[in-house]
Amino acid sequence: MSSSIDTRPVILTGDRTTGPLHLGHYVGSLKSRVALQHSHRQFLLLADTQALTDNAHDPEKVRRNVLEVALDYLAVGIDPVETAICVQSALPALAELTLLYMNFVTVGRLERNPTIKTEIQLRGFERDIPAGFLCYPVAQAADITTFKATVVPVGEDQAPLIEQTNEIVRRLNRQVGRDILVEAEAMVPTVGRLPGVDGKAKMSKSQGNAIPLSASPDHIRDAVRRMYTDPDHIRVSDPGRIEGNVVFTYLDAFCDDRQFVDELKARYRQGGLGDVTLKRHLDGILQALLAPIRERRARFASEPDYVMGILWEGTLKARARTEATLAELRAALGLFTLT
């Protein structure tokens, strides 16, 4: 931008660096991030510190995937001129604010957070919950408020985290007697969570039911072939069910020709459309979507120093913003400061 003062609304979003991103990430937020980066001041956080909350046994995995996730950002069209891509662990203000915020939230409130309760069950932690994982909403609140983000693109299941962030904002503002921190609005995508190819509710790298953005043509073809459809649709002439049929869920998410999809649904419901033909249509759509992303990713991957330079510049921009917010809050709380 030509102006020295950027007055655009601030967006903060990001991803845990536990592995390359997949189509679920693309539908859930990446597509909207690319569209919004020109109308908003956007910060993308490579959340390596938060990735350690359940990967502390394998820090090398977390470190390695900082670059992998950054490559996916650039491959889908994130412009580093418009969007600051930054590394969470290189922003010390986030850690200090997390520690401060922990004094303004109770353990009981954290345990009642629906997002955290669900994730604890999925990971089978029971009572062996890493403290860092339980305090994940506090860390996310620090991320959002330190950047003074007003918009946070999240999936519907993550909305309770934004609600808890705003609770902390209100409590801190009451404590200091003025509005230093700002509340954020959750931006939930119109397309719901993309299921795994096996029909399970969540697409996940760890469950092996995801299609990575870097998937090869054979990988895409095989994943589509394995997609869950209607188990009672045995013959082409049999009427089939659309509800719960993963292939149609993906067609709704990725096919821009709504009339074509509606026609496929009508033919499938009445009988006369086989799963093989249906999956062939989806395979063609996904191949066309991912081919240019895969090619751009390979090009960026061949220049790791260039990509690391982007992360360096983005992190410096983010550090300046986060340190300013921390200094403002420390002063308002009356904390000791060396001068």
C-alpha atoms as a PDB file:
ATOM      1  CA  MET A   1       0.000   0.000   0.000  1.00  0.00           C
ATOM      2  CA  SER A   2       1.193   3.478  -0.787  1.00  0.00           C
ATOM      3  CA  SER A   3       0.056   4.999   2.540  1.00  0.00           C
ATOM      4  CA  SER A   4       2.395   4.666   5.517  1.00  0.00           C
ATOM      5  CA  ILE A   5      -0.618   4.048   7.790  1.00  0.00           C
ATOM      6  CA  ASP A   6      -2.570   0.881   7.078  1.00  0.00           C
ATOM      7  CA  THR A   7      -6.159   1.378   8.277  1.00  0.00           C
ATOM      8  CA  ARG A   8      -7.556  -1.894   6.965  1.00  0.00           C
ATOM      9  CA  PRO A   9      -9.246  -4.280   9.447  1.00  0.00           C
ATOM     10  CA  VAL A  10      -6.767  -6.741  10.951  1.00  0.00           C
ATOM     11  CA  ILE A  11      -7.099 -10.482  10.408  1.00  0.00           C
ATOM     12  CA  LEU A  12      -5.122 -13.054  12.361  1.00  0.00           C
ATOM     13  CA  THR A  13      -5.249 -16.691  11.430  1.00  0.00           C
ATOM     14  CA  GLY A  14      -2.807 -19.559  11.093  1.00  0.00           C
ATOM     15  CA  ASP A  15      -2.136 -23.248  11.461  1.00  0.00           C
ATOM     16  CA  ARG A  16      -0.310 -25.596  13.776  1.00  0.00           C
ATOM     17  CA  THR A  17       2.868 -26.840  12.155  1.00  0.00           C
ATOM     18  CA  THR A  18       2.232 -30.558  12.477  1.00  0.00           C
ATOM     19  CA  GLY A  19       2.226 -31.444   8.791  1.00  0.00           C
ATOM     20  CA  PRO A  20       1.419 -30.191   5.296  1.00  0.00           C
ATOM     21  CA  LEU A  21      -2.067 -28.739   4.818  1.00  0.00           C
ATOM     22  CA  HIS A  22      -4.935 -30.530   3.082  1.00  0.00           C
ATOM     23  CA  LEU A  23      -8.198 -29.855   1.284  1.00  0.00           C
ATOM     24  CA  GLY A  24     -10.010 -29.389   4.576  1.00  0.00           C
ATOM     25  CA  HIS A  25      -7.737 -26.438   5.360  1.00  0.00           C
ATOM     26  CA  TYR A  26      -8.305 -25.068   1.861  1.00  0.00           C
ATOM     27  CA  VAL A  27     -12.103 -25.077   2.210  1.00  0.00           C
ATOM     28  CA  GLY A  28     -12.045 -24.048   5.855  1.00  0.00           C
ATOM     29  CA  SER A  29      -9.837 -20.981   5.619  1.00  0.00           C
ATOM     30  CA  LEU A  30      -7.090 -20.865   2.988  1.00  0.00           C
ATOM     31  CA  LYS A  31      -9.404 -19.900   0.150  1.00  0.00           C
ATOM     32  CA  SER A  32     -10.876 -17.021   2.152  1.00  0.00           C
ATOM     33  CA  ARG A  33      -7.427 -15.876   3.324  1.00  0.00           C
ATOM     34  CA  VAL A  34      -6.327 -15.466  -0.286  1.00  0.00           C
ATOM     35  CA  ALA A  35      -9.450 -13.432  -1.073  1.00  0.00           C
ATOM     36  CA  LEU A  36      -9.282 -11.248   2.042  1.00  0.00           C
ATOM     37  CA  GLN A  37      -5.589 -10.356   2.004  1.00  0.00           C
ATOM     38  CA  HIS A  38      -6.174  -7.375  -0.278  1.00  0.00           C
ATOM     39  CA  SER A  39      -9.024  -5.842   1.746  1.00  0.00           C
ATOM     40  CA  HIS A  40      -7.572  -6.595   5.195  1.00  0.00           C
ATOM     41  CA  ARG A  41      -4.233  -6.363   6.938  1.00  0.00           C
ATOM     42  CA  GLN A  42      -3.516 -10.038   7.395  1.00  0.00           C
ATOM     43  CA  PHE A  43      -1.106 -11.906   9.644  1.00  0.00           C
ATOM     44  CA  LEU A  44      -0.640 -15.656   9.171  1.00  0.00           C
ATOM     45  CA  LEU A  45       0.783 -17.408  12.210  1.00  0.00           C
ATOM     46  CA  LEU A  46       2.853 -20.567  11.869  1.00  0.00           C
ATOM     47  CA  ALA A  47       1.811 -21.918  15.269  1.00  0.00           C
ATOM     48  CA  ASP A  48       4.824 -24.043  16.167  1.00  0.00           C
ATOM     49  CA  THR A  49       4.601 -23.313  19.897  1.00  0.00           C
ATOM     50  CA  GLN A  50       0.990 -24.447  20.015  1.00  0.00           C
ATOM     51  CA  ALA A  51       1.898 -27.513  17.964  1.00  0.00           C
ATOM     52  CA  LEU A  52       4.113 -28.592  20.858  1.00  0.00           C
ATOM     53  CA  THR A  53       1.104 -28.838  23.198  1.00  0.00           C
ATOM     54  CA  ASP A  54       0.542 -32.399  21.965  1.00  0.00           C
ATOM     55  CA  ASN A  55       3.783 -32.978  20.038  1.00  0.00           C
ATOM     56  CA  ALA A  56       6.411 -32.208  22.687  1.00  0.00           C
ATOM     57  CA  HIS A  57       7.772 -35.728  22.187  1.00  0.00           C
ATOM     58  CA  ASP A  58       8.707 -34.853  18.577  1.00  0.00           C
ATOM     59  CA  PRO A  59       9.908 -31.232  18.317  1.00  0.00           C
ATOM     60  CA  GLU A  60      11.750 -32.009  15.081  1.00  0.00           C
ATOM     61  CA  LYS A  61       8.409 -32.762  13.431  1.00  0.00           C
ATOM     62  CA  VAL A  62       7.123 -29.357  14.519  1.00  0.00           C
ATOM     63  CA  ARG A  63      10.252 -27.537  13.358  1.00  0.00           C
ATOM     64  CA  ARG A  64      10.321 -29.299   9.981  1.00  0.00           C
ATOM     65  CA  ASN A  65       6.709 -28.455   9.240  1.00  0.00           C
ATOM     66  CA  VAL A  66       7.197 -24.713   9.693  1.00  0.00           C
ATOM     67  CA  LEU A  67       8.580 -24.671   6.160  1.00  0.00           C
ATOM     68  CA  GLU A  68       6.025 -27.200   4.886  1.00  0.00           C
ATOM     69  CA  VAL A  69       3.052 -25.112   5.986  1.00  0.00           C
ATOM     70  CA  ALA A  70       4.683 -21.933   4.671  1.00  0.00           C
ATOM     71  CA  LEU A  71       5.059 -23.624   1.278  1.00  0.00           C
ATOM     72  CA  ASP A  72       1.360 -24.465   1.278  1.00  0.00           C
ATOM     73  CA  TYR A  73       0.492 -20.838   2.053  1.00  0.00           C
ATOM     74  CA  LEU A  74       2.516 -19.556  -0.868  1.00  0.00           C
ATOM     75  CA  ALA A  75       1.289 -22.318  -3.175  1.00  0.00           C
ATOM     76  CA  VAL A  76      -2.397 -21.441  -2.745  1.00  0.00           C
ATOM     77  CA  GLY A  77      -1.762 -17.767  -3.490  1.00  0.00           C
ATOM     78  CA  ILE A  78      -0.861 -16.017  -0.243  1.00  0.00           C
ATOM     79  CA  ASP A  79       1.060 -12.888  -1.253  1.00  0.00           C
ATOM     80  CA  PRO A  80       3.872 -12.082   1.238  1.00  0.00           C
ATOM     81  CA  VAL A  81       3.657  -8.428   0.211  1.00  0.00           C
ATOM     82  CA  GLU A  82       0.058  -8.266   1.422  1.00  0.00           C
ATOM     83  CA  THR A  83       0.218 -10.883   4.185  1.00  0.00           C
ATOM     84  CA  ALA A  84       2.837 -11.172   6.923  1.00  0.00           C
ATOM     85  CA  ILE A  85       3.668 -14.848   7.446  1.00  0.00           C
ATOM     86  CA  CYS A  86       5.235 -15.139  10.900  1.00  0.00           C
ATOM     87  CA  VAL A  87       6.600 -17.827  13.228  1.00  0.00           C
ATOM     88  CA  GLN A  88       4.917 -18.023  16.618  1.00  0.00           C
ATOM     89  CA  SER A  89       7.947 -19.153  18.632  1.00  0.00           C
ATOM     90  CA  ALA A  90       9.900 -16.116  17.405  1.00  0.00           C
ATOM     91  CA  LEU A  91       7.363 -13.726  18.949  1.00  0.00           C
ATOM     92  CA  PRO A  92       8.176 -13.624  22.683  1.00  0.00           C
ATOM     93  CA  ALA A  93       5.338 -11.183  23.427  1.00  0.00           C
ATOM     94  CA  LEU A  94       2.850 -13.983  22.765  1.00  0.00           C
ATOM     95  CA  ALA A  95       4.341 -16.176  25.486  1.00  0.00           C
ATOM     96  CA  GLU A  96       4.391 -13.345  28.029  1.00  0.00           C
ATOM     97  CA  LEU A  97       0.794 -12.395  27.335  1.00  0.00           C
ATOM     98  CA  THR A  98      -0.270 -16.038  27.629  1.00  0.00           C
ATOM     99  CA  LEU A  99       1.255 -16.114  31.102  1.00  0.00           C
ATOM    100  CA  LEU A 100      -0.490 -12.871  32.056  1.00  0.00           C
ATOM    101  CA  TYR A 101      -3.860 -14.030  30.748  1.00  0.00           C
ATOM    102  CA  MET A 102      -3.709 -17.261  32.749  1.00  0.00           C
ATOM    103  CA  ASN A 103      -4.363 -15.125  35.830  1.00  0.00           C
ATOM    104  CA  PHE A 104      -7.688 -14.004  34.367  1.00  0.00           C
ATOM    105  CA  VAL A 105      -9.231 -17.381  33.496  1.00  0.00           C
ATOM    106  CA  THR A 106     -10.048 -20.414  35.650  1.00  0.00           C
ATOM    107  CA  VAL A 107      -9.232 -24.085  35.063  1.00  0.00           C
ATOM    108  CA  GLY A 108     -12.950 -24.845  35.254  1.00  0.00           C
ATOM    109  CA  ARG A 109     -13.691 -22.424  32.426  1.00  0.00           C
ATOM    110  CA  LEU A 110     -10.988 -23.988  30.278  1.00  0.00           C
ATOM    111  CA  GLU A 111     -12.323 -27.484  30.890  1.00  0.00           C
ATOM    112  CA  ARG A 112     -15.834 -26.370  29.898  1.00  0.00           C
ATOM    113  CA  ASN A 113     -14.686 -25.009  26.540  1.00  0.00           C
ATOM    114  CA  PRO A 114     -16.512 -27.231  23.969  1.00  0.00           C
ATOM    115  CA  THR A 115     -13.606 -27.185  21.522  1.00  0.00           C
ATOM    116  CA  ILE A 116     -11.109 -28.305  24.157  1.00  0.00           C
ATOM    117  CA  LYS A 117     -13.470 -30.972  25.535  1.00  0.00           C
ATOM    118  CA  THR A 118     -13.881 -32.464  22.063  1.00  0.00           C
ATOM    119  CA  GLU A 119     -10.163 -32.401  21.280  1.00  0.00           C
ATOM    120  CA  ILE A 120      -9.333 -34.042  24.632  1.00  0.00           C
ATOM    121  CA  GLN A 121     -11.735 -36.874  23.811  1.00  0.00           C
ATOM    122  CA  LEU A 122     -10.348 -37.285  20.282  1.00  0.00           C
ATOM    123  CA  ARG A 123      -6.805 -37.603  21.620  1.00  0.00           C
ATOM    124  CA  GLY A 124      -7.764 -39.906  24.471  1.00  0.00           C
ATOM    125  CA  PHE A 125      -6.021 -37.762  27.095  1.00  0.00           C
ATOM    126  CA  GLU A 126      -8.622 -38.455  29.814  1.00  0.00           C
ATOM    127  CA  ARG A 127      -6.963 -36.825  32.869  1.00  0.00           C
ATOM    128  CA  ASP A 128      -3.436 -36.971  31.433  1.00  0.00           C
ATOM    129  CA  ILE A 129      -3.929 -33.634  29.711  1.00  0.00           C
ATOM    130  CA  PRO A 130      -0.765 -31.633  29.005  1.00  0.00           C
ATOM    131  CA  ALA A 131      -1.154 -28.293  30.779  1.00  0.00           C
ATOM    132  CA  GLY A 132      -0.163 -26.514  27.590  1.00  0.00           C
ATOM    133  CA  PHE A 133      -2.990 -28.225  25.723  1.00  0.00           C
ATOM    134  CA  LEU A 134      -5.574 -27.328  28.347  1.00  0.00           C
ATOM    135  CA  CYS A 135      -4.413 -23.711  28.185  1.00  0.00           C
ATOM    136  CA  TYR A 136      -4.592 -23.633  24.391  1.00  0.00           C
ATOM    137  CA  PRO A 137      -7.531 -21.139  24.444  1.00  0.00           C
ATOM    138  CA  VAL A 138      -5.456 -18.753  26.551  1.00  0.00           C
ATOM    139  CA  ALA A 139      -2.546 -18.959  24.134  1.00  0.00           C
ATOM    140  CA  GLN A 140      -4.876 -18.355  21.219  1.00  0.00           C
ATOM    141  CA  ALA A 141      -6.368 -15.364  23.030  1.00  0.00           C
ATOM    142  CA  ALA A 142      -2.852 -13.976  23.390  1.00  0.00           C
ATOM    143  CA  ASP A 143      -2.231 -14.466  19.676  1.00  0.00           C
ATOM    144  CA  ILE A 144      -5.425 -12.731  18.614  1.00  0.00           C
ATOM    145  CA  THR A 145      -5.327  -9.827  21.050  1.00  0.00           C
ATOM    146  CA  THR A 146      -1.632  -9.068  20.691  1.00  0.00           C
ATOM    147  CA  PHE A 147      -2.190  -8.413  17.000  1.00  0.00           C
ATOM    148  CA  LYS A 148      -5.416  -6.543  17.875  1.00  0.00           C
ATOM    149  CA  ALA A 149      -7.203  -8.626  15.278  1.00  0.00           C
ATOM    150  CA  THR A 150     -10.886  -7.853  14.745  1.00  0.00           C
ATOM    151  CA  VAL A 151     -11.542 -10.769  12.370  1.00  0.00           C
ATOM    152  CA  VAL A 152     -10.464 -14.400  12.857  1.00  0.00           C
ATOM    153  CA  PRO A 153     -11.423 -16.952  10.178  1.00  0.00           C
ATOM    154  CA  VAL A 154     -12.186 -20.239  11.969  1.00  0.00           C
ATOM    155  CA  GLY A 155     -14.226 -23.371  11.515  1.00  0.00           C
ATOM    156  CA  GLU A 156     -17.544 -23.571  13.346  1.00  0.00           C
ATOM    157  CA  ASP A 157     -16.010 -25.942  15.903  1.00  0.00           C
ATOM    158  CA  GLN A 158     -13.417 -23.279  16.784  1.00  0.00           C
ATOM    159  CA  ALA A 159     -15.928 -20.494  17.478  1.00  0.00           C
ATOM    160  CA  PRO A 160     -15.932 -21.179  21.267  1.00  0.00           C
ATOM    161  CA  LEU A 161     -12.247 -20.229  21.313  1.00  0.00           C
ATOM    162  CA  ILE A 162     -13.101 -16.777  19.971  1.00  0.00           C
ATOM    163  CA  GLU A 163     -15.849 -16.448  22.570  1.00  0.00           C
ATOM    164  CA  GLN A 164     -13.352 -17.218  25.325  1.00  0.00           C
ATOM    165  CA  THR A 165     -10.875 -14.760  23.825  1.00  0.00           C
ATOM    166  CA  ASN A 166     -13.470 -12.009  24.041  1.00  0.00           C
ATOM    167  CA  GLU A 167     -14.203 -12.918  27.661  1.00  0.00           C
ATOM    168  CA  ILE A 168     -10.524 -12.370  28.461  1.00  0.00           C
ATOM    169  CA  VAL A 169     -10.547  -9.088  26.530  1.00  0.00           C
ATOM    170  CA  ARG A 170     -13.482  -7.761  28.536  1.00  0.00           C
ATOM    171  CA  ARG A 171     -11.964  -8.836  31.842  1.00  0.00           C
ATOM    172  CA  LEU A 172      -8.585  -7.246  31.088  1.00  0.00           C
ATOM    173  CA  ASN A 173     -10.183  -4.027  29.888  1.00  0.00           C
ATOM    174  CA  ARG A 174     -12.247  -3.821  33.074  1.00  0.00           C
ATOM    175  CA  GLN A 175      -9.109  -4.460  35.113  1.00  0.00           C
ATOM    176  CA  VAL A 176      -7.156  -1.582  33.562  1.00  0.00           C
ATOM    177  CA  GLY A 177     -10.163   0.729  33.260  1.00  0.00           C
ATOM    178  CA  ARG A 178      -9.992   1.337  29.523  1.00  0.00           C
ATOM    179  CA  ASP A 179     -10.263  -0.507  26.210  1.00  0.00           C
ATOM    180  CA  ILE A 180      -6.705  -1.479  25.375  1.00  0.00           C
ATOM    181  CA  LEU A 181      -7.613  -4.822  23.851  1.00  0.00           C
ATOM    182  CA  VAL A 182     -10.228  -5.295  21.127  1.00  0.00           C
ATOM    183  CA  GLU A 183     -12.805  -8.018  20.675  1.00  0.00           C
ATOM    184  CA  ALA A 184     -12.637 -10.233  17.618  1.00  0.00           C
ATOM    185  CA  GLU A 185     -15.328 -11.636  15.376  1.00  0.00           C
ATOM    186  CA  ALA A 186     -15.254 -15.250  14.227  1.00  0.00           C
ATOM    187  CA  MET A 187     -15.526 -15.569  10.457  1.00  0.00           C
ATOM    188  CA  VAL A 188     -17.059 -19.011   9.849  1.00  0.00           C
ATOM    189  CA  PRO A 189     -16.939 -20.340   6.258  1.00  0.00           C
ATOM    190  CA  THR A 190     -20.200 -21.045   4.454  1.00  0.00           C
ATOM    191  CA  VAL A 191     -18.961 -24.554   3.613  1.00  0.00           C
ATOM    192  CA  GLY A 192     -18.979 -26.787   6.681  1.00  0.00           C
ATOM    193  CA  ARG A 193     -16.135 -28.998   7.856  1.00  0.00           C
ATOM    194  CA  LEU A 194     -14.927 -31.260   5.069  1.00  0.00           C
ATOM    195  CA  PRO A 195     -15.173 -34.937   6.066  1.00  0.00           C
ATOM    196  CA  GLY A 196     -12.395 -37.448   5.540  1.00  0.00           C
ATOM    197  CA  VAL A 197     -12.477 -39.612   2.442  1.00  0.00           C
ATOM    198  CA  ASP A 198     -13.558 -42.508   4.677  1.00  0.00           C
ATOM    199  CA  GLY A 199     -16.712 -40.693   5.736  1.00  0.00           C
ATOM    200  CA  LYS A 200     -15.483 -39.805   9.212  1.00  0.00           C
ATOM    201  CA  ALA A 201     -16.485 -36.365  10.419  1.00  0.00           C
ATOM    202  CA  LYS A 202     -13.014 -34.850  10.398  1.00  0.00           C
ATOM    203  CA  MET A 203     -10.352 -34.887   7.722  1.00  0.00           C
ATOM    204  CA  SER A 204      -7.092 -35.516   9.533  1.00  0.00           C
ATOM    205  CA  LYS A 205      -3.492 -36.177   8.568  1.00  0.00           C
ATOM    206  CA  SER A 206      -3.080 -38.525  11.526  1.00  0.00           C
ATOM    207  CA  GLN A 207      -6.056 -40.655  10.482  1.00  0.00           C
ATOM    208  CA  GLY A 208      -4.824 -40.993   6.917  1.00  0.00           C
ATOM    209  CA  ASN A 209      -8.127 -39.796   5.465  1.00  0.00           C
ATOM    210  CA  ALA A 210      -6.950 -36.451   4.087  1.00  0.00           C
ATOM    211  CA  ILE A 211      -5.929 -35.245   0.628  1.00  0.00           C
ATOM    212  CA  PRO A 212      -2.858 -32.997   0.966  1.00  0.00           C
ATOM    213  CA  LEU A 213      -2.605 -29.875  -1.169  1.00  0.00           C
ATOM    214  CA  SER A 214       0.621 -31.354  -2.534  1.00  0.00           C
ATOM    215  CA  ALA A 215      -1.009 -34.688  -3.454  1.00  0.00           C
ATOM    216  CA  SER A 216       0.190 -36.322  -6.652  1.00  0.00           C
ATOM    217  CA  PRO A 217      -2.309 -37.191  -9.417  1.00  0.00           C
ATOM    218  CA  ASP A 218      -2.178 -40.857  -8.369  1.00  0.00           C
ATOM    219  CA  HIS A 219      -2.754 -39.942  -4.716  1.00  0.00           C
ATOM    220  CA  ILE A 220      -5.801 -37.872  -5.629  1.00  0.00           C
ATOM    221  CA  ARG A 221      -7.169 -40.622  -7.874  1.00  0.00           C
ATOM    222  CA  ASP A 222      -6.719 -43.268  -5.203  1.00  0.00           C
ATOM    223  CA  ALA A 223      -8.303 -41.091  -2.498  1.00  0.00           C
ATOM    224  CA  VAL A 224     -11.356 -40.400  -4.663  1.00  0.00           C
ATOM    225  CA  ARG A 225     -11.633 -44.093  -5.510  1.00  0.00           C
ATOM    226  CA  ARG A 226     -11.742 -44.926  -1.776  1.00  0.00           C
ATOM    227  CA  MET A 227     -14.347 -42.282  -0.921  1.00  0.00           C
ATOM    228  CA  TYR A 228     -17.351 -43.360   1.070  1.00  0.00           C
ATOM    229  CA  THR A 229     -20.621 -43.189  -0.875  1.00  0.00           C
ATOM    230  CA  ASP A 230     -23.907 -45.030  -0.265  1.00  0.00           C
ATOM    231  CA  PRO A 231     -23.217 -48.639   0.783  1.00  0.00           C
ATOM    232  CA  ASP A 232     -26.704 -49.652  -0.431  1.00  0.00           C
ATOM    233  CA  HIS A 233     -26.065 -48.260  -3.921  1.00  0.00           C
ATOM    234  CA  ILE A 234     -24.845 -51.581  -5.289  1.00  0.00           C
ATOM    235  CA  ARG A 235     -26.023 -51.426  -8.904  1.00  0.00           C
ATOM    236  CA  VAL A 236     -26.005 -48.440 -11.235  1.00  0.00           C
ATOM    237  CA  SER A 237     -29.793 -48.664 -11.515  1.00  0.00           C
ATOM    238  CA  ASP A 238     -30.287 -48.530  -7.724  1.00  0.00           C
ATOM    239  CA  PRO A 239     -31.505 -45.227  -6.251  1.00  0.00           C
ATOM    240  CA  GLY A 240     -28.757 -43.686  -4.138  1.00  0.00           C
ATOM    241  CA  ARG A 241     -28.593 -41.447  -1.080  1.00  0.00           C
ATOM    242  CA  ILE A 242     -26.964 -38.029  -1.225  1.00  0.00           C
ATOM    243  CA  GLU A 243     -26.904 -37.476   2.538  1.00  0.00           C
ATOM    244  CA  GLY A 244     -23.634 -38.690   4.047  1.00  0.00           C
ATOM    245  CA  ASN A 245     -22.200 -39.369   0.595  1.00  0.00           C
ATOM    246  CA  VAL A 246     -18.672 -37.960   0.730  1.00  0.00           C
ATOM    247  CA  VAL A 247     -18.360 -37.586  -3.045  1.00  0.00           C
ATOM    248  CA  PHE A 248     -21.316 -35.212  -3.161  1.00  0.00           C
ATOM    249  CA  THR A 249     -19.991 -33.299  -0.157  1.00  0.00           C
ATOM    250  CA  TYR A 250     -16.774 -32.688  -2.084  1.00  0.00           C
ATOM    251  CA  LEU A 251     -18.648 -31.782  -5.259  1.00  0.00           C
ATOM    252  CA  ASP A 252     -20.645 -29.202  -3.298  1.00  0.00           C
ATOM    253  CA  ALA A 253     -17.379 -27.778  -1.932  1.00  0.00           C
ATOM    254  CA  PHE A 254     -15.269 -27.725  -5.093  1.00  0.00           C
ATOM    255  CA  CYS A 255     -17.497 -27.672  -8.176  1.00  0.00           C
ATOM    256  CA  ASP A 256     -18.475 -24.173  -9.286  1.00  0.00           C
ATOM    257  CA  ASP A 257     -21.154 -25.462 -11.692  1.00  0.00           C
ATOM    258  CA  ARG A 258     -24.131 -25.761  -9.332  1.00  0.00           C
ATOM    259  CA  GLN A 259     -26.494 -26.838 -12.092  1.00  0.00           C
ATOM    260  CA  PHE A 260     -24.199 -29.725 -13.019  1.00  0.00           C
ATOM    261  CA  VAL A 261     -24.028 -30.914  -9.393  1.00  0.00           C
ATOM    262  CA  ASP A 262     -27.800 -30.671  -9.005  1.00  0.00           C
ATOM    263  CA  GLU A 263     -28.248 -32.770 -12.134  1.00  0.00           C
ATOM    264  CA  LEU A 264     -25.863 -35.413 -10.782  1.00  0.00           C
ATOM    265  CA  LYS A 265     -27.774 -35.507  -7.499  1.00  0.00           C
ATOM    266  CA  ALA A 266     -31.106 -35.975  -9.312  1.00  0.00           C
ATOM    267  CA  ARG A 267     -29.741 -38.809 -11.445  1.00  0.00           C
ATOM    268  CA  TYR A 268     -28.145 -40.500  -8.437  1.00  0.00           C
ATOM    269  CA  ARG A 269     -31.337 -40.316  -6.350  1.00  0.00           C
ATOM    270  CA  GLN A 270     -33.514 -41.810  -9.069  1.00  0.00           C
ATOM    271  CA  GLY A 271     -30.974 -44.440 -10.154  1.00  0.00           C
ATOM    272  CA  GLY A 272     -28.903 -44.594 -13.301  1.00  0.00           C
ATOM    273  CA  LEU A 273     -25.677 -42.986 -12.131  1.00  0.00           C
ATOM    274  CA  GLY A 274     -22.895 -45.278 -10.932  1.00  0.00           C
ATOM    275  CA  ASP A 275     -20.313 -44.483  -8.250  1.00  0.00           C
ATOM    276  CA  VAL A 276     -17.442 -44.985 -10.703  1.00  0.00           C
ATOM    277  CA  THR A 277     -18.792 -42.330 -13.065  1.00  0.00           C
ATOM    278  CA  LEU A 278     -19.584 -40.023 -10.164  1.00  0.00           C
ATOM    279  CA  LYS A 279     -16.076 -40.336  -8.769  1.00  0.00           C
ATOM    280  CA  ARG A 280     -14.584 -39.732 -12.209  1.00  0.00           C
ATOM    281  CA  HIS A 281     -16.269 -36.318 -12.281  1.00  0.00           C
ATOM    282  CA  LEU A 282     -14.878 -35.428  -8.849  1.00  0.00           C
ATOM    283  CA  ASP A 283     -11.397 -36.668  -9.725  1.00  0.00           C
ATOM    284  CA  GLY A 284     -11.280 -34.332 -12.724  1.00  0.00           C
ATOM    285  CA  ILE A 285     -12.311 -31.350 -10.590  1.00  0.00           C
ATOM    286  CA  LEU A 286      -9.739 -32.052  -7.866  1.00  0.00           C
ATOM    287  CA  GLN A 287      -6.967 -32.725 -10.375  1.00  0.00           C
ATOM    288  CA  ALA A 288      -7.631 -29.339 -12.011  1.00  0.00           C
ATOM    289  CA  LEU A 289      -7.692 -27.586  -8.624  1.00  0.00           C
ATOM    290  CA  LEU A 290      -4.533 -29.107  -7.163  1.00  0.00           C
ATOM    291  CA  ALA A 291      -2.267 -29.278 -10.241  1.00  0.00           C
ATOM    292  CA  PRO A 292      -1.315 -25.544 -10.233  1.00  0.00           C
ATOM    293  CA  ILE A 293      -1.032 -25.533  -6.425  1.00  0.00           C
ATOM    294  CA  ARG A 294       1.311 -28.524  -6.569  1.00  0.00           C
ATOM    295  CA  GLU A 295       3.413 -26.893  -9.290  1.00  0.00           C
ATOM    296  CA  ARG A 296       3.751 -23.595  -7.404  1.00  0.00           C
ATOM    297  CA  ARG A 297       4.640 -25.451  -4.231  1.00  0.00           C
ATOM    298  CA  ALA A 298       7.417 -27.356  -5.982  1.00  0.00           C
ATOM    299  CA  ARG A 299       8.790 -24.106  -7.366  1.00  0.00           C
ATOM    300  CA  PHE A 300       8.889 -22.462  -3.930  1.00  0.00           C
ATOM    301  CA  ALA A 301      10.333 -25.622  -2.369  1.00  0.00           C
ATOM    302  CA  SER A 302      13.298 -25.365  -4.733  1.00  0.00           C
ATOM    303  CA  GLU A 303      14.130 -21.946  -3.195  1.00  0.00           C
ATOM    304  CA  PRO A 304      14.135 -22.555   0.599  1.00  0.00           C
ATOM    305  CA  ASP A 305      16.319 -19.513   1.309  1.00  0.00           C
ATOM    306  CA  TYR A 306      13.787 -17.278  -0.427  1.00  0.00           C
ATOM    307  CA  VAL A 307      10.951 -18.768   1.615  1.00  0.00           C
ATOM    308  CA  MET A 308      12.884 -18.384   4.864  1.00  0.00           C
ATOM    309  CA  GLY A 309      13.488 -14.758   3.934  1.00  0.00           C
ATOM    310  CA  ILE A 310       9.726 -14.277   3.644  1.00  0.00           C
ATOM    311  CA  LEU A 311       9.283 -15.767   7.122  1.00  0.00           C
ATOM    312  CA  TRP A 312      12.030 -13.533   8.508  1.00  0.00           C
ATOM    313  CA  GLU A 313      10.444 -10.357   7.134  1.00  0.00           C
ATOM    314  CA  GLY A 314       6.937 -11.359   8.187  1.00  0.00           C
ATOM    315  CA  THR A 315       8.078 -12.239  11.699  1.00  0.00           C
ATOM    316  CA  LEU A 316       9.852  -8.893  12.101  1.00  0.00           C
ATOM    317  CA  LYS A 317       6.630  -7.069  11.148  1.00  0.00           C
ATOM    318  CA  ALA A 318       4.677  -9.205  13.581  1.00  0.00           C
ATOM    319  CA  ARG A 319       7.208  -8.704  16.362  1.00  0.00           C
ATOM    320  CA  ALA A 320       6.910  -4.919  16.120  1.00  0.00           C
ATOM    321  CA  ARG A 321       3.120  -5.102  16.397  1.00  0.00           C
ATOM    322  CA  THR A 322       3.016  -7.643  19.224  1.00  0.00           C
ATOM    323  CA  GLU A 323       5.700  -5.911  21.286  1.00  0.00           C
ATOM    324  CA  ALA A 324       3.778  -2.629  21.066  1.00  0.00           C
ATOM    325  CA  THR A 325       0.595  -4.240  22.408  1.00  0.00           C
ATOM    326  CA  LEU A 326       2.506  -5.973  25.204  1.00  0.00           C
ATOM    327  CA  ALA A 327       4.185  -2.719  26.259  1.00  0.00           C
ATOM    328  CA  GLU A 328       0.821  -0.954  26.332  1.00  0.00           C
ATOM    329  CA  LEU A 329      -0.767  -3.642  28.492  1.00  0.00           C
ATOM    330  CA  ARG A 330       2.208  -3.922  30.844  1.00  0.00           C
ATOM    331  CA  ALA A 331       2.068  -0.182  31.464  1.00  0.00           C
ATOM    332  CA  ALA A 332      -1.675  -0.293  32.087  1.00  0.00           C
ATOM    333  CA  LEU A 333      -1.255  -3.143  34.599  1.00  0.00           C
ATOM    334  CA  GLY A 334       1.553  -1.277  36.340  1.00  0.00           C
ATOM    335  CA  LEU A 335       4.128  -4.025  35.861  1.00  0.00           C
ATOM    336  CA  PHE A 336       7.765  -3.303  36.602  1.00  0.00           C
ATOM    337  CA  THR A 337       9.737  -2.259  33.537  1.00  0.00           C
ATOM    338  CA  LEU A 338      13.474  -1.694  33.166  1.00  0.00           C
ATOM    339  CA  THR A 339      14.210   1.654  31.546  1.00  0.00           C
END
